[in-house]
Amino acid sequence: MPKFFKDFIIIGVIIVSVLSILNSYFLWLVLIFLFLVLLGFYDLKQTKHSLWRNFPVLGRMRWILEELRPPIRQYFIESDIDGVPINRQQRGVVYRRSKRVQSTIPFGTKLDVYEPGYEWIGHSLKAIKGSSLEQNPRVIIGSQDCKKPYASSILNISAMSFGALSANAILALGHGARIGNFALNTGEGGLSRYHLATNCDLIWQIGTGYFGCRDENGNFHEEKFSEKAKNENVKMIELKLSQGAKPGHGGILPANKNTPEIAEDRDVKPHTRVDSPPTHTSFSTPEGLIKFIKRLRDLSEGKPVGFKLSVGRKEEFIDICKAMVKLEIKPDFITVDGGEGGTGAAPLEYTNSVGMPLREALVFVIDCLVGFGLKDDIKVVASGKVLNGMDITKALAIGADLCASARGMMLSLGCIQALQCNKNTCPTGVATQDKRLTRGLVVEDKKQRVANFHELTVESFIEILASAGLDKPSKLNRTHIFRRLDETKYKRYDEIFAPMKNGDLLTEPYPKEYERFMN
């Protein structure tokens, strides 16, 4: 028995005895002391934890401190700009805009403007008054093969499933989207009853598990898809190839989140862990993918159909572009998810080290589409840590047409970045199925905050656009954004990412950096 534990027992007996003799009120201390002694003997005998065996009772403090470490760091130690994955300054802007309170900051930037990676937009001496521009600009999505094009907002809610999020969170997001006239992506969990209950514009995402349109073996079910795709609220269909949080891995729905409601909407068994396959079973080649997209468009009676991916091997996306050219079939949009993305559960290695970051992925995808002469017919959606007007500005300057935000929208719901999305213990009721916690998220209050965040974030983008002397988002390009390389050097985006010329990848000679991929 460790000496400190013997001393604890001896000293404890003396103190408890003396206090109990002096005043009977302290007799309750006997129960606490006995509990701690018994706990200590248990720690000495158990074999799973070395720390507990060597330091009975005291060793358990480590677990308590481990639990307290994240909130202590977040609230008392980290600065406004050091926190990860989203720092306090970024979170603060989202909170203030969602509540419609003052979102300006005093006394200048807290960023080191001479730090490599600092970025800014060049304003114009011919700036325009922001209020004179369209305040909620729309982007028409739908190629020549699309019978029902959709006029989309430049900022929509990125893919988050019912299952990853609570019913109340989905309801608040959906009602907020309806108020603000923008779209909610259902995530790969299917077209749930809560998505439909809000009567908002929906982007129905079809993942590798085909949830909501699958047969008993988990394969694509044509009739189920066609029936649901014709729903008036479904404005677009998004086929998910991969996502930024865990590309090439497939989605994960923990068993403790798989309630009977979720299981019914997904056509799976309740209270079981549901893993989406890493790839689709309906196709296995680039040409198969493009033909499947046409099949979905036909089954949905001509609604816009696109696909979402996190870029991995460049030659694979080039092969997809080649298939589009060969078959003369194009998706209506492509959503590019950055490897830094993720709102739910993902293995550490995938979160940190798999998938191309959003900026480089956007550049590559857009340049490929331009090089193959496809960009005019295909809209590109940027998804990955879009939190404010400058994030939209940078994505559109690279060449994206619109953006999607997941974590920004979660923060507008009241998410405090507790980092418990994967434990079913989210304290704000956003990312949990525990009804004791979801009751804290009041839909009537939060739906307006979602709409406010969208409105004021788009407004901030419009103000930046006007400051650059531009009257339309489509006029943004890579010459407008600057990036610092070191303390004395900086370059424009077009100097770092030289734009592709239309049709450059259709005939030889190809641009040098693409030669090995093309061949």
Protein backbone atom coordinates (compact mmCIF):
# COMPACT_ATOMS: atom_id res chain seq x y z
CA MET A 1 0.00 0.00 0.00
CA PRO A 2 1.45 3.43 -0.94
CA LYS A 3 2.62 5.48 2.04
CA PHE A 4 0.54 8.52 1.07
CA PHE A 5 -2.63 6.37 1.15
CA LYS A 6 -1.79 5.03 4.63
CA ASP A 7 -1.21 8.61 5.79
CA PHE A 8 -4.51 9.67 4.18
CA ILE A 9 -6.40 6.99 6.17
CA ILE A 10 -4.68 7.81 9.49
CA ILE A 11 -5.06 11.59 9.14
CA GLY A 12 -8.62 11.18 7.86
CA VAL A 13 -9.66 9.05 10.82
CA ILE A 14 -8.24 11.61 13.24
CA ILE A 15 -9.89 14.62 11.56
CA VAL A 16 -13.30 12.97 11.11
CA SER A 17 -13.28 11.65 14.70
CA VAL A 18 -12.38 15.01 16.22
CA LEU A 19 -14.95 16.92 14.16
CA SER A 20 -17.68 14.38 14.94
CA ILE A 21 -16.98 14.60 18.69
CA LEU A 22 -17.05 18.41 18.60
CA ASN A 23 -20.30 18.57 16.62
CA SER A 24 -22.61 15.74 15.54
CA TYR A 25 -23.35 17.75 12.38
CA PHE A 26 -20.02 16.48 10.93
CA LEU A 27 -21.05 12.80 11.16
CA TRP A 28 -21.92 12.91 7.44
CA LEU A 29 -18.17 13.22 6.80
CA VAL A 30 -17.82 9.62 7.99
CA LEU A 31 -19.79 8.39 4.97
CA ILE A 32 -17.69 10.42 2.53
CA PHE A 33 -14.46 9.25 4.17
CA LEU A 34 -15.53 5.60 4.11
CA PHE A 35 -16.46 5.91 0.43
CA LEU A 36 -13.02 7.34 -0.42
CA VAL A 37 -11.24 4.61 1.54
CA LEU A 38 -13.24 1.84 -0.18
CA LEU A 39 -12.60 3.50 -3.54
CA GLY A 40 -8.89 3.58 -2.72
CA PHE A 41 -8.81 -0.16 -1.92
CA TYR A 42 -10.62 -0.86 -5.18
CA ASP A 43 -8.02 1.19 -7.08
CA LEU A 44 -5.24 -0.81 -5.43
CA LYS A 45 -6.74 -4.13 -6.51
CA GLN A 46 -7.88 -3.31 -10.08
CA THR A 47 -5.44 -4.05 -12.94
CA LYS A 48 -6.53 -1.81 -15.82
CA HIS A 49 -5.05 1.52 -14.68
CA SER A 50 -1.46 1.71 -13.46
CA LEU A 51 -1.94 5.27 -12.19
CA TRP A 52 -4.84 4.23 -9.97
CA ARG A 53 -2.86 1.30 -8.50
CA ASN A 54 0.09 3.55 -7.62
CA PHE A 55 -1.96 6.58 -6.56
CA PRO A 56 -5.39 5.34 -5.36
CA VAL A 57 -8.14 7.99 -5.38
CA LEU A 58 -5.62 10.75 -6.22
CA GLY A 59 -4.92 9.22 -9.62
CA ARG A 60 -8.53 9.75 -10.60
CA MET A 61 -7.99 13.51 -10.55
CA ARG A 62 -6.20 13.16 -13.88
CA TRP A 63 -9.44 12.09 -15.60
CA ILE A 64 -11.30 15.04 -14.07
CA LEU A 65 -8.62 17.46 -15.24
CA GLU A 66 -8.63 15.89 -18.72
CA GLU A 67 -12.36 16.63 -18.96
CA LEU A 68 -11.90 20.19 -17.73
CA ARG A 69 -8.89 20.96 -19.94
CA PRO A 70 -10.76 21.93 -23.19
CA PRO A 71 -13.20 24.41 -21.58
CA ILE A 72 -10.51 25.90 -19.32
CA ARG A 73 -8.24 26.42 -22.32
CA GLN A 74 -11.04 27.83 -24.46
CA TYR A 75 -12.42 30.25 -21.88
CA PHE A 76 -9.34 31.33 -19.92
CA ILE A 77 -6.10 30.62 -21.78
CA GLU A 78 -6.32 30.86 -25.58
CA SER A 79 -6.29 34.25 -27.27
CA ASP A 80 -8.99 35.52 -29.63
CA ILE A 81 -7.09 34.32 -32.70
CA ASP A 82 -5.30 31.15 -31.50
CA GLY A 83 -8.19 28.76 -30.89
CA VAL A 84 -8.78 25.76 -33.15
CA PRO A 85 -10.55 24.58 -35.19
CA ILE A 86 -12.43 27.89 -35.11
CA ASN A 87 -10.97 30.70 -33.04
CA ARG A 88 -12.85 32.94 -30.63
CA GLN A 89 -12.83 35.93 -32.97
CA GLN A 90 -14.44 33.92 -35.78
CA ARG A 91 -16.99 32.38 -33.43
CA GLY A 92 -17.77 35.78 -31.96
CA VAL A 93 -18.63 37.25 -35.35
CA VAL A 94 -21.04 34.40 -36.06
CA TYR A 95 -22.70 34.74 -32.64
CA ARG A 96 -23.10 38.50 -32.95
CA ARG A 97 -24.49 38.37 -36.46
CA SER A 98 -26.94 35.63 -35.58
CA LYS A 99 -28.21 37.77 -32.70
CA ARG A 100 -28.09 40.99 -34.76
CA VAL A 101 -25.83 42.78 -32.29
CA GLN A 102 -22.83 44.96 -33.08
CA SER A 103 -20.17 42.97 -34.96
CA THR A 104 -17.51 45.65 -35.39
CA ILE A 105 -14.17 45.46 -33.52
CA PRO A 106 -12.12 48.31 -31.99
CA PHE A 107 -8.49 49.41 -32.27
CA GLY A 108 -7.36 47.53 -35.36
CA THR A 109 -6.65 43.96 -36.35
CA LYS A 110 -5.29 41.35 -33.94
CA LEU A 111 -3.73 39.44 -36.83
CA ASP A 112 -0.03 39.73 -37.65
CA VAL A 113 -0.26 41.21 -41.13
CA TYR A 114 3.40 40.31 -41.79
CA GLU A 115 2.91 36.64 -40.96
CA PRO A 116 3.18 34.27 -43.97
CA GLY A 117 -0.32 33.28 -45.07
CA TYR A 118 -2.00 36.61 -44.26
CA GLU A 119 -4.47 37.46 -47.05
CA TRP A 120 -6.32 40.59 -48.12
CA ILE A 121 -8.38 41.98 -50.99
CA GLY A 122 -7.31 45.04 -52.94
CA HIS A 123 -9.96 47.74 -52.59
CA SER A 124 -10.64 50.30 -55.31
CA LEU A 125 -10.58 54.09 -55.43
CA LYS A 126 -13.77 53.63 -57.47
CA ALA A 127 -15.60 51.87 -54.68
CA ILE A 128 -19.37 51.44 -54.95
CA LYS A 129 -22.01 51.97 -52.30
CA GLY A 130 -22.85 48.49 -51.02
CA SER A 131 -26.55 49.22 -50.54
CA SER A 132 -26.88 49.90 -54.28
CA LEU A 133 -26.02 46.26 -55.13
CA GLU A 134 -28.26 43.18 -55.09
CA GLN A 135 -28.36 42.13 -51.43
CA ASN A 136 -29.13 38.45 -51.97
CA PRO A 137 -27.60 37.62 -55.37
CA ARG A 138 -28.71 34.39 -57.00
CA VAL A 139 -26.83 31.83 -59.08
CA ILE A 140 -28.73 29.81 -61.68
CA ILE A 141 -27.80 26.12 -61.41
CA GLY A 142 -28.80 23.89 -64.29
CA SER A 143 -27.10 22.98 -67.57
CA GLN A 144 -28.82 22.61 -70.94
CA ASP A 145 -29.98 19.09 -69.96
CA CYS A 146 -31.70 20.37 -66.83
CA LYS A 147 -35.43 21.03 -67.10
CA LYS A 148 -35.87 22.63 -63.68
CA PRO A 149 -32.91 24.96 -62.98
CA TYR A 150 -32.61 26.38 -59.47
CA ALA A 151 -31.87 30.01 -58.58
CA SER A 152 -29.60 29.52 -55.57
CA SER A 153 -28.33 31.92 -52.93
CA ILE A 154 -24.55 32.37 -52.93
CA LEU A 155 -24.50 30.93 -49.38
CA ASN A 156 -26.39 27.80 -48.37
CA ILE A 157 -26.30 25.28 -45.52
CA SER A 158 -23.77 22.54 -46.17
CA ALA A 159 -24.51 18.84 -45.74
CA MET A 160 -25.48 17.77 -42.20
CA SER A 161 -27.74 14.76 -41.62
CA PHE A 162 -30.56 14.16 -39.22
CA GLY A 163 -28.63 11.80 -36.99
CA ALA A 164 -25.48 13.85 -36.91
CA LEU A 165 -27.72 16.76 -35.85
CA SER A 166 -30.77 16.68 -33.61
CA ALA A 167 -34.34 17.04 -34.84
CA ASN A 168 -34.55 20.52 -33.30
CA ALA A 169 -31.33 21.57 -35.03
CA ILE A 170 -32.65 20.38 -38.41
CA LEU A 171 -35.96 22.17 -37.82
CA ALA A 172 -34.23 25.42 -36.86
CA LEU A 173 -31.90 25.26 -39.87
CA GLY A 174 -34.78 24.47 -42.23
CA HIS A 175 -37.07 27.20 -40.95
CA GLY A 176 -34.16 29.64 -41.00
CA ALA A 177 -33.43 28.72 -44.61
CA ARG A 178 -37.06 29.32 -45.50
CA ILE A 179 -37.04 32.74 -43.82
CA GLY A 180 -33.82 33.74 -45.60
CA ASN A 181 -34.65 32.12 -48.96
CA PHE A 182 -31.62 29.84 -49.13
CA ALA A 183 -31.17 26.06 -49.27
CA LEU A 184 -30.50 23.31 -46.73
CA ASN A 185 -28.44 20.27 -47.73
CA THR A 186 -29.89 17.14 -46.12
CA GLY A 187 -26.54 15.38 -45.70
CA GLU A 188 -26.19 11.71 -46.59
CA GLY A 189 -28.67 10.60 -43.92
CA GLY A 190 -31.59 10.96 -46.30
CA LEU A 191 -34.66 13.10 -46.76
CA SER A 192 -35.95 13.03 -43.19
CA ARG A 193 -39.39 14.01 -41.91
CA TYR A 194 -37.83 17.04 -40.19
CA HIS A 195 -36.25 18.35 -43.39
CA LEU A 196 -39.60 18.12 -45.13
CA ALA A 197 -41.52 19.63 -42.20
CA THR A 198 -39.79 22.99 -42.67
CA ASN A 199 -41.00 23.45 -46.28
CA CYS A 200 -37.65 25.02 -47.22
CA ASP A 201 -35.55 24.55 -50.36
CA LEU A 202 -33.66 21.27 -50.03
CA ILE A 203 -30.56 19.81 -51.64
CA TRP A 204 -31.01 16.06 -51.27
CA GLN A 205 -27.64 14.41 -50.81
CA ILE A 206 -27.27 10.78 -51.89
CA GLY A 207 -24.30 9.10 -50.21
CA THR A 208 -22.72 5.69 -50.62
CA GLY A 209 -25.27 4.18 -48.23
CA TYR A 210 -28.20 5.41 -50.40
CA PHE A 211 -30.14 6.20 -47.23
CA GLY A 212 -33.81 6.76 -47.96
CA CYS A 213 -33.50 5.25 -51.45
CA ARG A 214 -31.94 1.85 -50.79
CA ASP A 215 -33.07 -1.74 -50.93
CA GLU A 216 -32.65 -4.25 -48.09
CA ASN A 217 -29.08 -4.97 -49.22
CA GLY A 218 -28.07 -1.31 -49.18
CA ASN A 219 -28.08 -0.83 -52.97
CA PHE A 220 -29.70 2.04 -54.88
CA HIS A 221 -33.48 1.70 -55.22
CA GLU A 222 -34.72 3.50 -58.32
CA GLU A 223 -38.42 3.73 -57.43
CA LYS A 224 -37.81 5.06 -53.91
CA PHE A 225 -35.45 7.70 -55.27
CA SER A 226 -37.79 8.80 -58.04
CA GLU A 227 -40.74 9.16 -55.69
CA LYS A 228 -38.85 11.35 -53.20
CA ALA A 229 -36.88 13.34 -55.78
CA LYS A 230 -40.13 14.66 -57.25
CA ASN A 231 -41.01 16.35 -53.95
CA GLU A 232 -41.55 20.09 -54.53
CA ASN A 233 -39.09 21.07 -51.82
CA VAL A 234 -36.24 19.09 -53.37
CA LYS A 235 -34.54 21.62 -55.64
CA MET A 236 -31.29 19.78 -56.37
CA ILE A 237 -29.71 16.33 -55.97
CA GLU A 238 -26.11 16.00 -54.75
CA LEU A 239 -24.29 12.69 -55.17
CA LYS A 240 -21.62 12.41 -52.46
CA LEU A 241 -18.38 10.76 -53.58
CA SER A 242 -16.37 11.85 -50.54
CA GLN A 243 -16.34 14.50 -47.81
CA GLY A 244 -13.62 16.62 -46.28
CA ALA A 245 -13.80 15.16 -42.77
CA LYS A 246 -13.03 11.60 -43.82
CA PRO A 247 -12.51 11.25 -47.59
CA GLY A 248 -12.34 7.68 -48.82
CA HIS A 249 -13.73 6.45 -45.50
CA GLY A 250 -17.52 6.70 -45.57
CA GLY A 251 -19.84 8.18 -42.96
CA ILE A 252 -20.32 6.93 -39.40
CA LEU A 253 -23.57 6.96 -37.42
CA PRO A 254 -22.84 5.74 -33.84
CA ALA A 255 -25.32 3.23 -32.41
CA ASN A 256 -26.29 5.59 -29.57
CA LYS A 257 -27.43 8.16 -32.14
CA ASN A 258 -29.33 5.69 -34.34
CA THR A 259 -32.83 6.14 -32.92
CA PRO A 260 -35.95 4.41 -34.35
CA GLU A 261 -36.87 7.68 -36.11
CA ILE A 262 -33.49 7.96 -37.80
CA ALA A 263 -33.45 4.28 -38.68
CA GLU A 264 -36.88 4.56 -40.32
CA ASP A 265 -35.82 7.54 -42.45
CA ARG A 266 -32.61 5.76 -43.47
CA ASP A 267 -34.08 2.27 -44.02
CA VAL A 268 -31.70 0.68 -41.49
CA LYS A 269 -32.02 -1.17 -38.16
CA PRO A 270 -32.26 1.08 -35.06
CA HIS A 271 -29.66 1.15 -32.26
CA THR A 272 -26.92 -0.23 -34.51
CA ARG A 273 -23.75 1.50 -35.72
CA VAL A 274 -24.23 2.38 -39.39
CA ASP A 275 -21.13 2.76 -41.56
CA SER A 276 -21.51 4.08 -45.09
CA PRO A 277 -19.30 2.25 -47.61
CA PRO A 278 -16.26 4.21 -48.83
CA THR A 279 -17.43 3.93 -52.47
CA HIS A 280 -20.65 3.62 -54.46
CA THR A 281 -22.02 0.26 -55.59
CA SER A 282 -23.96 1.75 -58.54
CA PHE A 283 -20.83 2.60 -60.55
CA SER A 284 -17.08 2.04 -60.44
CA THR A 285 -15.65 4.13 -63.30
CA PRO A 286 -15.69 7.82 -64.30
CA GLU A 287 -18.03 7.03 -67.19
CA GLY A 288 -20.25 5.07 -64.80
CA LEU A 289 -20.43 8.12 -62.51
CA ILE A 290 -21.44 10.46 -65.33
CA LYS A 291 -24.07 8.03 -66.63
CA PHE A 292 -25.45 7.63 -63.09
CA ILE A 293 -25.77 11.42 -62.80
CA LYS A 294 -27.84 11.44 -66.01
CA ARG A 295 -29.93 8.61 -64.58
CA LEU A 296 -30.64 10.61 -61.42
CA ARG A 297 -31.53 13.69 -63.49
CA ASP A 298 -33.98 11.69 -65.58
CA LEU A 299 -35.53 10.01 -62.51
CA SER A 300 -36.01 13.42 -60.83
CA GLU A 301 -37.72 14.78 -63.96
CA GLY A 302 -34.91 17.13 -64.87
CA LYS A 303 -33.81 18.67 -61.56
CA PRO A 304 -30.18 19.86 -61.22
CA VAL A 305 -27.87 16.99 -60.27
CA GLY A 306 -24.23 17.30 -59.23
CA PHE A 307 -21.64 15.58 -57.12
CA LYS A 308 -19.58 16.40 -54.06
CA LEU A 309 -15.98 15.39 -53.50
CA SER A 310 -12.88 16.07 -51.50
CA VAL A 311 -10.03 16.05 -54.01
CA GLY A 312 -7.53 13.22 -53.60
CA ARG A 313 -5.64 11.92 -56.64
CA LYS A 314 -5.66 14.56 -59.35
CA GLU A 315 -5.69 12.12 -62.26
CA GLU A 316 -8.98 10.65 -61.03
CA PHE A 317 -10.78 13.99 -61.31
CA ILE A 318 -9.18 14.55 -64.72
CA ASP A 319 -10.58 11.17 -65.78
CA ILE A 320 -14.04 12.35 -64.69
CA CYS A 321 -13.64 15.46 -66.86
CA LYS A 322 -12.55 13.29 -69.79
CA ALA A 323 -15.68 11.18 -69.31
CA MET A 324 -17.87 14.32 -69.41
CA VAL A 325 -16.29 15.38 -72.69
CA LYS A 326 -16.49 11.90 -74.22
CA LEU A 327 -20.11 11.22 -73.25
CA GLU A 328 -21.22 14.85 -73.70
CA ILE A 329 -23.00 14.59 -70.33
CA LYS A 330 -22.31 17.14 -67.60
CA PRO A 331 -23.34 17.49 -63.98
CA ASP A 332 -25.10 20.75 -63.18
CA PHE A 333 -22.78 21.51 -60.26
CA ILE A 334 -19.78 20.19 -58.36
CA THR A 335 -19.34 20.75 -54.63
CA VAL A 336 -15.69 20.88 -53.57
CA ASP A 337 -15.17 20.02 -49.90
CA GLY A 338 -11.88 20.98 -48.26
CA GLY A 339 -9.87 18.34 -46.42
CA GLU A 340 -10.07 20.58 -43.34
CA GLY A 341 -13.85 20.17 -43.17
CA GLY A 342 -15.93 18.18 -40.71
CA THR A 343 -18.81 18.61 -38.27
CA GLY A 344 -19.09 15.09 -36.87
CA ALA A 345 -17.17 11.95 -36.02
CA ALA A 346 -13.98 11.17 -37.95
CA PRO A 347 -10.71 9.36 -37.17
CA LEU A 348 -7.87 11.73 -36.23
CA GLU A 349 -5.68 10.71 -39.15
CA TYR A 350 -8.45 11.48 -41.64
CA THR A 351 -9.30 14.81 -40.04
CA ASN A 352 -5.67 15.93 -40.03
CA SER A 353 -4.01 14.28 -42.99
CA VAL A 354 -6.35 13.03 -45.72
CA GLY A 355 -7.78 15.16 -48.51
CA MET A 356 -6.67 18.34 -50.28
CA PRO A 357 -7.34 21.65 -48.45
CA LEU A 358 -10.14 23.76 -49.91
CA ARG A 359 -8.10 26.51 -51.59
CA GLU A 360 -5.85 24.16 -53.57
CA ALA A 361 -8.77 21.84 -54.34
CA LEU A 362 -10.87 24.72 -55.68
CA VAL A 363 -8.03 25.95 -57.87
CA PHE A 364 -7.47 22.49 -59.29
CA VAL A 365 -11.14 21.65 -59.96
CA ILE A 366 -11.91 25.02 -61.54
CA ASP A 367 -8.78 24.98 -63.70
CA CYS A 368 -9.63 21.46 -64.91
CA LEU A 369 -13.17 22.47 -65.81
CA VAL A 370 -11.90 25.54 -67.66
CA GLY A 371 -9.19 23.50 -69.39
CA PHE A 372 -11.73 20.97 -70.66
CA GLY A 373 -14.17 23.71 -71.72
CA LEU A 374 -16.75 22.63 -69.13
CA LYS A 375 -16.87 25.49 -66.63
CA ASP A 376 -19.54 27.58 -68.39
CA ASP A 377 -22.09 24.80 -67.86
CA ILE A 378 -21.06 23.59 -64.39
CA LYS A 379 -21.39 25.65 -61.23
CA VAL A 380 -18.84 25.09 -58.46
CA VAL A 381 -19.79 25.17 -54.77
CA ALA A 382 -17.04 25.82 -52.20
CA SER A 383 -17.57 24.01 -48.88
CA GLY A 384 -15.11 24.13 -46.00
CA LYS A 385 -14.91 26.52 -43.04
CA VAL A 386 -16.92 29.34 -44.66
CA LEU A 387 -17.69 31.65 -41.73
CA ASN A 388 -17.71 35.25 -42.97
CA GLY A 389 -17.85 37.55 -45.97
CA MET A 390 -14.13 37.35 -46.68
CA ASP A 391 -14.30 33.54 -46.82
CA ILE A 392 -16.95 33.85 -49.54
CA THR A 393 -14.88 36.52 -51.32
CA LYS A 394 -11.75 34.34 -51.49
CA ALA A 395 -13.66 31.30 -52.73
CA LEU A 396 -15.42 33.25 -55.47
CA ALA A 397 -12.17 35.01 -56.45
CA ILE A 398 -10.59 31.61 -57.09
CA GLY A 399 -13.50 30.76 -59.37
CA ALA A 400 -16.27 29.20 -57.28
CA ASP A 401 -19.83 30.35 -58.00
CA LEU A 402 -21.30 29.96 -54.52
CA CYS A 403 -20.50 28.64 -51.03
CA ALA A 404 -21.91 26.29 -48.42
CA SER A 405 -21.35 26.51 -44.65
CA ALA A 406 -21.86 23.81 -42.03
CA ARG A 407 -19.94 24.87 -38.92
CA GLY A 408 -20.96 28.51 -39.35
CA MET A 409 -24.60 27.48 -39.34
CA MET A 410 -24.03 25.25 -36.29
CA LEU A 411 -22.52 28.21 -34.42
CA SER A 412 -25.53 30.35 -35.34
CA LEU A 413 -27.69 27.66 -33.65
CA GLY A 414 -25.74 28.17 -30.42
CA CYS A 415 -22.92 25.60 -30.82
CA ILE A 416 -20.12 26.48 -28.37
CA GLN A 417 -17.45 24.25 -29.96
CA ALA A 418 -17.56 21.86 -27.03
CA LEU A 419 -16.01 19.22 -29.35
CA GLN A 420 -18.49 16.53 -28.29
CA CYS A 421 -20.17 16.01 -31.70
CA ASN A 422 -19.06 12.37 -31.72
CA LYS A 423 -20.21 11.52 -28.16
CA ASN A 424 -23.96 12.25 -28.25
CA THR A 425 -23.37 14.66 -25.35
CA CYS A 426 -23.49 18.03 -27.16
CA PRO A 427 -24.41 20.45 -24.34
CA THR A 428 -26.33 22.83 -26.64
CA GLY A 429 -28.54 20.15 -28.18
CA VAL A 430 -27.18 20.65 -31.71
CA ALA A 431 -25.26 17.41 -32.37
CA THR A 432 -27.01 14.90 -30.13
CA GLN A 433 -30.08 12.66 -30.06
CA ASP A 434 -30.40 12.87 -26.25
CA LYS A 435 -33.82 14.48 -25.73
CA ARG A 436 -32.74 15.85 -22.35
CA LEU A 437 -30.22 17.98 -24.24
CA THR A 438 -32.11 18.72 -27.47
CA ARG A 439 -34.93 20.35 -25.48
CA GLY A 440 -32.50 23.20 -24.77
CA LEU A 441 -32.47 24.17 -28.45
CA VAL A 442 -35.63 26.22 -28.97
CA VAL A 443 -36.54 26.18 -32.66
CA GLU A 444 -38.55 29.42 -32.60
CA ASP A 445 -35.56 31.36 -31.29
CA LYS A 446 -32.79 29.67 -33.25
CA LYS A 447 -34.46 29.70 -36.68
CA GLN A 448 -34.29 33.50 -36.77
CA ARG A 449 -30.64 33.41 -35.73
CA VAL A 450 -29.84 31.13 -38.67
CA ALA A 451 -31.59 33.54 -41.04
CA ASN A 452 -29.79 36.52 -39.44
CA PHE A 453 -26.37 34.89 -39.82
CA HIS A 454 -27.01 34.17 -43.48
CA GLU A 455 -28.33 37.65 -44.23
CA LEU A 456 -25.55 39.58 -42.49
CA THR A 457 -22.77 37.31 -43.79
CA VAL A 458 -23.94 37.79 -47.37
CA GLU A 459 -24.29 41.50 -46.63
CA SER A 460 -20.66 41.62 -45.44
CA PHE A 461 -19.59 39.92 -48.68
CA ILE A 462 -21.54 42.50 -50.71
CA GLU A 463 -19.82 45.32 -48.80
CA ILE A 464 -16.39 43.83 -49.59
CA LEU A 465 -17.39 43.41 -53.24
CA ALA A 466 -18.47 47.04 -53.40
CA SER A 467 -15.23 48.20 -51.78
CA ALA A 468 -13.35 46.47 -54.59
CA GLY A 469 -15.37 48.47 -57.11
CA LEU A 470 -17.29 45.43 -58.36
CA ASP A 471 -21.04 45.33 -58.89
CA LYS A 472 -21.45 41.57 -59.39
CA PRO A 473 -19.95 38.50 -57.65
CA SER A 474 -19.07 37.03 -61.07
CA LYS A 475 -16.57 39.88 -61.61
CA LEU A 476 -14.32 38.66 -58.78
CA ASN A 477 -11.17 36.89 -59.95
CA ARG A 478 -7.72 35.90 -58.76
CA THR A 479 -6.23 39.34 -59.38
CA HIS A 480 -8.22 40.73 -56.45
CA ILE A 481 -6.74 38.68 -53.59
CA PHE A 482 -3.21 39.02 -52.18
CA ARG A 483 -1.31 36.51 -50.03
CA ARG A 484 1.81 37.13 -47.96
CA LEU A 485 4.66 34.67 -48.60
CA ASP A 486 7.12 36.01 -46.02
CA GLU A 487 7.84 39.29 -44.20
CA THR A 488 8.83 41.14 -47.38
CA LYS A 489 7.09 39.30 -50.23
CA TYR A 490 3.51 38.84 -51.29
CA LYS A 491 1.73 37.81 -54.47
CA ARG A 492 -1.71 37.96 -56.01
CA TYR A 493 -3.69 34.75 -56.34
CA ASP A 494 -3.29 34.80 -60.12
CA GLU A 495 0.50 34.86 -59.67
CA ILE A 496 0.40 31.94 -57.25
CA PHE A 497 -2.33 30.02 -59.07
CA ALA A 498 -1.96 30.92 -62.74
CA PRO A 499 -5.45 30.62 -64.31
CA MET A 500 -6.06 27.99 -66.98
CA LYS A 501 -7.17 29.12 -70.42
CA ASN A 502 -10.41 27.77 -71.81
CA GLY A 503 -9.80 24.52 -73.71
CA ASP A 504 -6.12 24.15 -72.71
CA LEU A 505 -6.67 20.50 -71.77
CA LEU A 506 -8.52 19.51 -74.93
CA THR A 507 -5.50 19.48 -77.26
CA GLU A 508 -1.75 19.10 -76.94
CA PRO A 509 0.58 20.59 -75.89
CA TYR A 510 -0.90 20.57 -72.40
CA PRO A 511 0.21 22.94 -69.65
CA LYS A 512 3.43 21.52 -68.21
CA GLU A 513 2.07 20.80 -64.72
CA TYR A 514 -0.76 18.73 -66.24
CA GLU A 515 1.24 16.69 -68.74
CA ARG A 516 1.80 13.64 -66.53
CA PHE A 517 -1.85 13.56 -65.45
CA MET A 518 -3.16 13.86 -69.01
CA ASN A 519 -0.92 11.09 -70.32
